Structures are given as C-alpha cells and as structure tokens.
Amino acid sequence: MILYIEDPTQLFAHDEKDKNVYLSLPSGGVVCAEPLSSREYSICSVISTDPRDYMLIQPGDRLEVTLKKITK
C-alpha cells in the first residue's frame, strides 16, 4: 500500500473536530478531502493500492461536486 499525503506530520495530528470527508474510490482506495464550500473540496490525502489513483488525484487538488436531480 502507498500512503501519499501532503504533510507527513498529519499522521500525528489528532484534531477532535475532524471535518474531513472520506470518499471511496472505485478501485477500493480512499480519498480524504477537506470541504472548502458546499460544493468544493480540497484533497488532503490518497490511500490506495492502485497506482492509477495517484496519477489522477494528488493532495492539493480541488474537486467540484455537482448534484443532478434524478427523475423517474
């Protein structure tokens, strides 16, 4: 497993009010993201065994989430 984080000291920092969101990847990995607004997130860390995940997502990248209304 590869652990790719921006700052290694994050492993030792224990903040009681962890507002980070953990998102599952299709490959089985996990992305830790910090909410910047209601629709934008900043990637904090990527934990995955698939090397392709590290080529697509890096700490510091920003994700914009758009919601779609699903009709039947």
PDB file of N, CA and C in Angstrom:
ATOM      1  N   MET A   1       0.845  -1.162   0.000  1.00  0.00           N
ATOM      2  CA  MET A   1       0.000   0.000   0.000  1.00  0.00           C
ATOM      3  C   MET A   1       0.896   1.232   0.000  1.00  0.00           C
ATOM      4  N   ILE A   2       0.477   2.238  -0.737  1.00  0.00           N
ATOM      5  CA  ILE A   2       1.191   3.509  -0.787  1.00  0.00           C
ATOM      6  C   ILE A   2       0.361   4.537  -0.032  1.00  0.00           C
ATOM      7  N   LEU A   3       0.980   5.266   0.863  1.00  0.00           N
ATOM      8  CA  LEU A   3       0.312   6.345   1.581  1.00  0.00           C
ATOM      9  C   LEU A   3       0.892   7.650   1.080  1.00  0.00           C
ATOM     10  N   TYR A   4       0.068   8.441   0.391  1.00  0.00           N
ATOM     11  CA  TYR A   4       0.536   9.663  -0.253  1.00  0.00           C
ATOM     12  C   TYR A   4      -0.182  10.841   0.384  1.00  0.00           C
ATOM     13  N   ILE A   5       0.511  11.578   1.245  1.00  0.00           N
ATOM     14  CA  ILE A   5      -0.082  12.740   1.894  1.00  0.00           C
ATOM     15  C   ILE A   5       0.822  13.935   1.700  1.00  0.00           C
ATOM     16  N   GLU A   6       0.231  15.101   1.773  1.00  0.00           N
ATOM     17  CA  GLU A   6       0.949  16.346   1.543  1.00  0.00           C
ATOM     18  C   GLU A   6       1.954  16.639   2.652  1.00  0.00           C
ATOM     19  N   ASP A   7       1.560  16.391   3.885  1.00  0.00           N
ATOM     20  CA  ASP A   7       2.395  16.713   5.035  1.00  0.00           C
ATOM     21  C   ASP A   7       2.453  15.500   5.965  1.00  0.00           C
ATOM     22  N   PRO A   8       3.622  14.856   6.133  1.00  0.00           N
ATOM     23  CA  PRO A   8       3.710  13.656   6.966  1.00  0.00           C
ATOM     24  C   PRO A   8       3.320  13.882   8.429  1.00  0.00           C
ATOM     25  N   THR A   9       3.390  15.112   8.896  1.00  0.00           N
ATOM     26  CA  THR A   9       3.003  15.365  10.286  1.00  0.00           C
ATOM     27  C   THR A   9       1.504  15.197  10.493  1.00  0.00           C
ATOM     28  N   GLN A  10       0.721  15.090   9.405  1.00  0.00           N
ATOM     29  CA  GLN A  10      -0.708  14.849   9.537  1.00  0.00           C
ATOM     30  C   GLN A  10      -0.990  13.499  10.184  1.00  0.00           C
ATOM     31  N   LEU A  11      -0.047  12.582  10.085  1.00  0.00           N
ATOM     32  CA  LEU A  11      -0.233  11.277  10.709  1.00  0.00           C
ATOM     33  C   LEU A  11      -0.297  11.374  12.227  1.00  0.00           C
ATOM     34  N   PHE A  12       0.353  12.372  12.791  1.00  0.00           N
ATOM     35  CA  PHE A  12       0.435  12.504  14.240  1.00  0.00           C
ATOM     36  C   PHE A  12      -0.517  13.548  14.803  1.00  0.00           C
ATOM     37  N   ALA A  13      -1.120  14.334  13.954  1.00  0.00           N
ATOM     38  CA  ALA A  13      -2.046  15.377  14.406  1.00  0.00           C
ATOM     39  C   ALA A  13      -3.419  14.753  14.637  1.00  0.00           C
ATOM     40  N   HIS A  14      -3.928  14.912  15.845  1.00  0.00           N
ATOM     41  CA  HIS A  14      -5.247  14.384  16.175  1.00  0.00           C
ATOM     42  C   HIS A  14      -6.147  15.545  16.545  1.00  0.00           C
ATOM     43  N   ASP A  15      -6.939  15.960  15.592  1.00  0.00           N
ATOM     44  CA  ASP A  15      -7.887  17.044  15.823  1.00  0.00           C
ATOM     45  C   ASP A  15      -9.232  16.427  16.173  1.00  0.00           C
ATOM     46  N   GLU A  16      -9.795  16.837  17.298  1.00  0.00           N
ATOM     47  CA  GLU A  16     -11.054  16.250  17.736  1.00  0.00           C
ATOM     48  C   GLU A  16     -12.195  16.595  16.797  1.00  0.00           C
ATOM     49  N   LYS A  17     -12.153  17.774  16.203  1.00  0.00           N
ATOM     50  CA  LYS A  17     -13.199  18.197  15.284  1.00  0.00           C
ATOM     51  C   LYS A  17     -12.735  17.959  13.857  1.00  0.00           C
ATOM     52  N   ASP A  18     -12.731  16.709  13.461  1.00  0.00           N
ATOM     53  CA  ASP A  18     -12.298  16.347  12.115  1.00  0.00           C
ATOM     54  C   ASP A  18     -13.458  16.576  11.154  1.00  0.00           C
ATOM     55  N   LYS A  19     -13.349  17.609  10.324  1.00  0.00           N
ATOM     56  CA  LYS A  19     -14.405  17.944   9.383  1.00  0.00           C
ATOM     57  C   LYS A  19     -14.145  17.345   8.009  1.00  0.00           C
ATOM     58  N   ASN A  20     -13.101  16.551   7.896  1.00  0.00           N
ATOM     59  CA  ASN A  20     -12.762  15.975   6.606  1.00  0.00           C
ATOM     60  C   ASN A  20     -13.788  14.935   6.179  1.00  0.00           C
ATOM     61  N   VAL A  21     -13.916  14.795   4.877  1.00  0.00           N
ATOM     62  CA  VAL A  21     -14.834  13.835   4.274  1.00  0.00           C
ATOM     63  C   VAL A  21     -13.999  12.726   3.653  1.00  0.00           C
ATOM     64  N   TYR A  22     -14.405  11.489   3.832  1.00  0.00           N
ATOM     65  CA  TYR A  22     -13.686  10.351   3.273  1.00  0.00           C
ATOM     66  C   TYR A  22     -14.525   9.763   2.146  1.00  0.00           C
ATOM     67  N   LEU A  23     -13.950   9.765   0.937  1.00  0.00           N
ATOM     68  CA  LEU A  23     -14.659   9.302  -0.249  1.00  0.00           C
ATOM     69  C   LEU A  23     -14.045   7.994  -0.742  1.00  0.00           C
ATOM     70  N   SER A  24     -14.879   7.041  -1.091  1.00  0.00           N
ATOM     71  CA  SER A  24     -14.404   5.765  -1.623  1.00  0.00           C
ATOM     72  C   SER A  24     -14.148   5.900  -3.118  1.00  0.00           C
ATOM     73  N   LEU A  25     -13.069   5.287  -3.563  1.00  0.00           N
ATOM     74  CA  LEU A  25     -12.737   5.247  -4.981  1.00  0.00           C
ATOM     75  C   LEU A  25     -13.208   3.928  -5.573  1.00  0.00           C
ATOM     76  N   PRO A  26     -13.488   3.874  -6.877  1.00  0.00           N
ATOM     77  CA  PRO A  26     -13.913   2.611  -7.497  1.00  0.00           C
ATOM     78  C   PRO A  26     -12.878   1.498  -7.358  1.00  0.00           C
ATOM     79  N   SER A  27     -11.600   1.874  -7.231  1.00  0.00           N
ATOM     80  CA  SER A  27     -10.532   0.875  -7.113  1.00  0.00           C
ATOM     81  C   SER A  27     -10.458   0.267  -5.718  1.00  0.00           C
ATOM     82  N   GLY A  28     -11.200   0.823  -4.759  1.00  0.00           N
ATOM     83  CA  GLY A  28     -11.167   0.333  -3.390  1.00  0.00           C
ATOM     84  C   GLY A  28     -10.375   1.239  -2.466  1.00  0.00           C
ATOM     85  N   GLY A  29      -9.743   2.263  -3.001  1.00  0.00           N
ATOM     86  CA  GLY A  29      -8.978   3.212  -2.199  1.00  0.00           C
ATOM     87  C   GLY A  29      -9.878   4.242  -1.537  1.00  0.00           C
ATOM     88  N   VAL A  30      -9.252   5.125  -0.774  1.00  0.00           N
ATOM     89  CA  VAL A  30      -9.978   6.162  -0.045  1.00  0.00           C
ATOM     90  C   VAL A  30      -9.288   7.501  -0.277  1.00  0.00           C
ATOM     91  N   VAL A  31     -10.096   8.547  -0.435  1.00  0.00           N
ATOM     92  CA  VAL A  31      -9.596   9.913  -0.553  1.00  0.00           C
ATOM     93  C   VAL A  31     -10.119  10.696   0.634  1.00  0.00           C
ATOM     94  N   CYS A  32      -9.231  11.396   1.309  1.00  0.00           N
ATOM     95  CA  CYS A  32      -9.614  12.281   2.399  1.00  0.00           C
ATOM     96  C   CYS A  32      -9.663  13.697   1.829  1.00  0.00           C
ATOM     97  N   ALA A  33     -10.804  14.374   1.974  1.00  0.00           N
ATOM     98  CA  ALA A  33     -10.973  15.708   1.412  1.00  0.00           C
ATOM     99  C   ALA A  33     -11.506  16.668   2.462  1.00  0.00           C
ATOM    100  N   GLU A  34     -11.033  17.902   2.372  1.00  0.00           N
ATOM    101  CA  GLU A  34     -11.462  18.957   3.294  1.00  0.00           C
ATOM    102  C   GLU A  34     -12.476  19.842   2.573  1.00  0.00           C
ATOM    103  N   PRO A  35     -13.670  20.035   3.161  1.00  0.00           N
ATOM    104  CA  PRO A  35     -14.662  20.882   2.495  1.00  0.00           C
ATOM    105  C   PRO A  35     -14.234  22.349   2.505  1.00  0.00           C
ATOM    106  N   LEU A  36     -14.283  22.988   1.332  1.00  0.00           N
ATOM    107  CA  LEU A  36     -13.985  24.410   1.209  1.00  0.00           C
ATOM    108  C   LEU A  36     -15.278  25.219   1.140  1.00  0.00           C
ATOM    109  N   SER A  37     -16.269  24.658   0.486  1.00  0.00           N
ATOM    110  CA  SER A  37     -17.601  25.254   0.411  1.00  0.00           C
ATOM    111  C   SER A  37     -18.590  24.099   0.285  1.00  0.00           C
ATOM    112  N   SER A  38     -19.844  24.415   0.007  1.00  0.00           N
ATOM    113  CA  SER A  38     -20.836  23.342  -0.073  1.00  0.00           C
ATOM    114  C   SER A  38     -20.621  22.439  -1.277  1.00  0.00           C
ATOM    115  N   ARG A  39     -19.889  22.915  -2.293  1.00  0.00           N
ATOM    116  CA  ARG A  39     -19.679  22.105  -3.495  1.00  0.00           C
ATOM    117  C   ARG A  39     -18.220  21.909  -3.870  1.00  0.00           C
ATOM    118  N   GLU A  40     -17.299  22.418  -3.074  1.00  0.00           N
ATOM    119  CA  GLU A  40     -15.884  22.316  -3.427  1.00  0.00           C
ATOM    120  C   GLU A  40     -15.095  21.697  -2.282  1.00  0.00           C
ATOM    121  N   TYR A  41     -14.189  20.776  -2.643  1.00  0.00           N
ATOM    122  CA  TYR A  41     -13.372  20.067  -1.668  1.00  0.00           C
ATOM    123  C   TYR A  41     -11.909  20.124  -2.088  1.00  0.00           C
ATOM    124  N   SER A  42     -11.029  20.137  -1.108  1.00  0.00           N
ATOM    125  CA  SER A  42      -9.585  20.079  -1.350  1.00  0.00           C
ATOM    126  C   SER A  42      -9.079  18.716  -0.881  1.00  0.00           C
ATOM    127  N   ILE A  43      -8.326  18.023  -1.757  1.00  0.00           N
ATOM    128  CA  ILE A  43      -7.822  16.696  -1.429  1.00  0.00           C
ATOM    129  C   ILE A  43      -6.715  16.814  -0.385  1.00  0.00           C
ATOM    130  N   CYS A  44      -6.846  16.086   0.722  1.00  0.00           N
ATOM    131  CA  CYS A  44      -5.832  16.070   1.784  1.00  0.00           C
ATOM    132  C   CYS A  44      -4.878  14.892   1.608  1.00  0.00           C
ATOM    133  N   SER A  45      -5.434  13.716   1.342  1.00  0.00           N
ATOM    134  CA  SER A  45      -4.597  12.534   1.188  1.00  0.00           C
ATOM    135  C   SER A  45      -5.304  11.477   0.342  1.00  0.00           C
ATOM    136  N   VAL A  46      -4.500  10.602  -0.228  1.00  0.00           N
ATOM    137  CA  VAL A  46      -4.994   9.487  -1.040  1.00  0.00           C
ATOM    138  C   VAL A  46      -4.408   8.208  -0.453  1.00  0.00           C
ATOM    139  N   ILE A  47      -5.269   7.224  -0.182  1.00  0.00           N
ATOM    140  CA  ILE A  47      -4.808   5.933   0.325  1.00  0.00           C
ATOM    141  C   ILE A  47      -5.349   4.867  -0.626  1.00  0.00           C
ATOM    142  N   SER A  48      -4.449   4.250  -1.378  1.00  0.00           N
ATOM    143  CA  SER A  48      -4.868   3.279  -2.373  1.00  0.00           C
ATOM    144  C   SER A  48      -3.723   2.336  -2.720  1.00  0.00           C
ATOM    145  N   THR A  49      -4.068   1.155  -3.194  1.00  0.00           N
ATOM    146  CA  THR A  49      -3.058   0.219  -3.683  1.00  0.00           C
ATOM    147  C   THR A  49      -2.941   0.280  -5.200  1.00  0.00           C
ATOM    148  N   ASP A  50      -3.789   1.071  -5.844  1.00  0.00           N
ATOM    149  CA  ASP A  50      -3.782   1.191  -7.296  1.00  0.00           C
ATOM    150  C   ASP A  50      -2.968   2.419  -7.715  1.00  0.00           C
ATOM    151  N   PRO A  51      -1.857   2.255  -8.432  1.00  0.00           N
ATOM    152  CA  PRO A  51      -1.025   3.387  -8.833  1.00  0.00           C
ATOM    153  C   PRO A  51      -1.749   4.406  -9.719  1.00  0.00           C
ATOM    154  N   ARG A  52      -2.784   3.968 -10.444  1.00  0.00           N
ATOM    155  CA  ARG A  52      -3.536   4.898 -11.304  1.00  0.00           C
ATOM    156  C   ARG A  52      -4.233   5.974 -10.493  1.00  0.00           C
ATOM    157  N   ASP A  53      -4.632   5.656  -9.260  1.00  0.00           N
ATOM    158  CA  ASP A  53      -5.283   6.658  -8.414  1.00  0.00           C
ATOM    159  C   ASP A  53      -4.348   7.828  -8.142  1.00  0.00           C
ATOM    160  N   TYR A  54      -3.066   7.557  -7.985  1.00  0.00           N
ATOM    161  CA  TYR A  54      -2.094   8.605  -7.688  1.00  0.00           C
ATOM    162  C   TYR A  54      -1.771   9.455  -8.913  1.00  0.00           C
ATOM    163  N   MET A  55      -2.033   8.931 -10.107  1.00  0.00           N
ATOM    164  CA  MET A  55      -1.827   9.722 -11.312  1.00  0.00           C
ATOM    165  C   MET A  55      -3.013  10.639 -11.579  1.00  0.00           C
ATOM    166  N   LEU A  56      -4.180  10.286 -11.068  1.00  0.00           N
ATOM    167  CA  LEU A  56      -5.378  11.080 -11.298  1.00  0.00           C
ATOM    168  C   LEU A  56      -5.659  12.092 -10.196  1.00  0.00           C
ATOM    169  N   ILE A  57      -5.321  11.734  -8.955  1.00  0.00           N
ATOM    170  CA  ILE A  57      -5.663  12.569  -7.804  1.00  0.00           C
ATOM    171  C   ILE A  57      -4.418  12.778  -6.948  1.00  0.00           C
ATOM    172  N   GLN A  58      -4.098  14.041  -6.647  1.00  0.00           N
ATOM    173  CA  GLN A  58      -2.971  14.357  -5.778  1.00  0.00           C
ATOM    174  C   GLN A  58      -3.438  15.293  -4.663  1.00  0.00           C
ATOM    175  N   PRO A  59      -2.784  15.237  -3.497  1.00  0.00           N
ATOM    176  CA  PRO A  59      -3.112  16.187  -2.434  1.00  0.00           C
ATOM    177  C   PRO A  59      -2.943  17.614  -2.938  1.00  0.00           C
ATOM    178  N   GLY A  60      -3.890  18.450  -2.576  1.00  0.00           N
ATOM    179  CA  GLY A  60      -3.883  19.843  -3.025  1.00  0.00           C
ATOM    180  C   GLY A  60      -4.833  20.081  -4.187  1.00  0.00           C
ATOM    181  N   ASP A  61      -5.220  19.019  -4.907  1.00  0.00           N
ATOM    182  CA  ASP A  61      -6.194  19.172  -5.996  1.00  0.00           C
ATOM    183  C   ASP A  61      -7.542  19.568  -5.413  1.00  0.00           C
ATOM    184  N   ARG A  62      -8.330  20.252  -6.235  1.00  0.00           N
ATOM    185  CA  ARG A  62      -9.670  20.645  -5.807  1.00  0.00           C
ATOM    186  C   ARG A  62     -10.709  19.896  -6.622  1.00  0.00           C
ATOM    187  N   LEU A  63     -11.756  19.445  -5.942  1.00  0.00           N
ATOM    188  CA  LEU A  63     -12.867  18.753  -6.580  1.00  0.00           C
ATOM    189  C   LEU A  63     -14.097  19.633  -6.475  1.00  0.00           C
ATOM    190  N   GLU A  64     -14.823  19.745  -7.576  1.00  0.00           N
ATOM    191  CA  GLU A  64     -16.096  20.451  -7.548  1.00  0.00           C
ATOM    192  C   GLU A  64     -17.193  19.427  -7.753  1.00  0.00           C
ATOM    193  N   VAL A  65     -18.124  19.389  -6.837  1.00  0.00           N
ATOM    194  CA  VAL A  65     -19.197  18.398  -6.871  1.00  0.00           C
ATOM    195  C   VAL A  65     -20.449  19.075  -7.404  1.00  0.00           C
ATOM    196  N   THR A  66     -21.049  18.455  -8.407  1.00  0.00           N
ATOM    197  CA  THR A  66     -22.328  18.947  -8.921  1.00  0.00           C
ATOM    198  C   THR A  66     -23.381  17.873  -8.686  1.00  0.00           C
ATOM    199  N   LEU A  67     -24.524  18.301  -8.284  1.00  0.00           N
ATOM    200  CA  LEU A  67     -25.619  17.367  -7.993  1.00  0.00           C
ATOM    201  C   LEU A  67     -26.623  17.402  -9.131  1.00  0.00           C
ATOM    202  N   LYS A  68     -27.109  16.232  -9.495  1.00  0.00           N
ATOM    203  CA  LYS A  68     -28.128  16.113 -10.516  1.00  0.00           C
ATOM    204  C   LYS A  68     -29.412  15.617  -9.890  1.00  0.00           C
ATOM    205  N   LYS A  69     -30.500  16.161 -10.332  1.00  0.00           N
ATOM    206  CA  LYS A  69     -31.787  15.675  -9.879  1.00  0.00           C
ATOM    207  C   LYS A  69     -32.155  14.479 -10.753  1.00  0.00           C
ATOM    208  N   ILE A  70     -32.471  13.378 -10.108  1.00  0.00           N
ATOM    209  CA  ILE A  70     -32.832  12.165 -10.821  1.00  0.00           C
ATOM    210  C   ILE A  70     -34.341  12.051 -10.844  1.00  0.00           C
ATOM    211  N   THR A  71     -34.876  11.923 -12.046  1.00  0.00           N
ATOM    212  CA  THR A  71     -36.331  11.776 -12.186  1.00  0.00           C
ATOM    213  C   THR A  71     -36.628  10.369 -12.666  1.00  0.00           C
ATOM    214  N   LYS A  72     -37.770   9.875 -12.268  1.00  0.00           N
ATOM    215  CA  LYS A  72     -38.176   8.507 -12.663  1.00  0.00           C
ATOM    216  C   LYS A  72     -39.032   8.544 -13.893  1.00  0.00           C
TER     217      LYS A  72
END
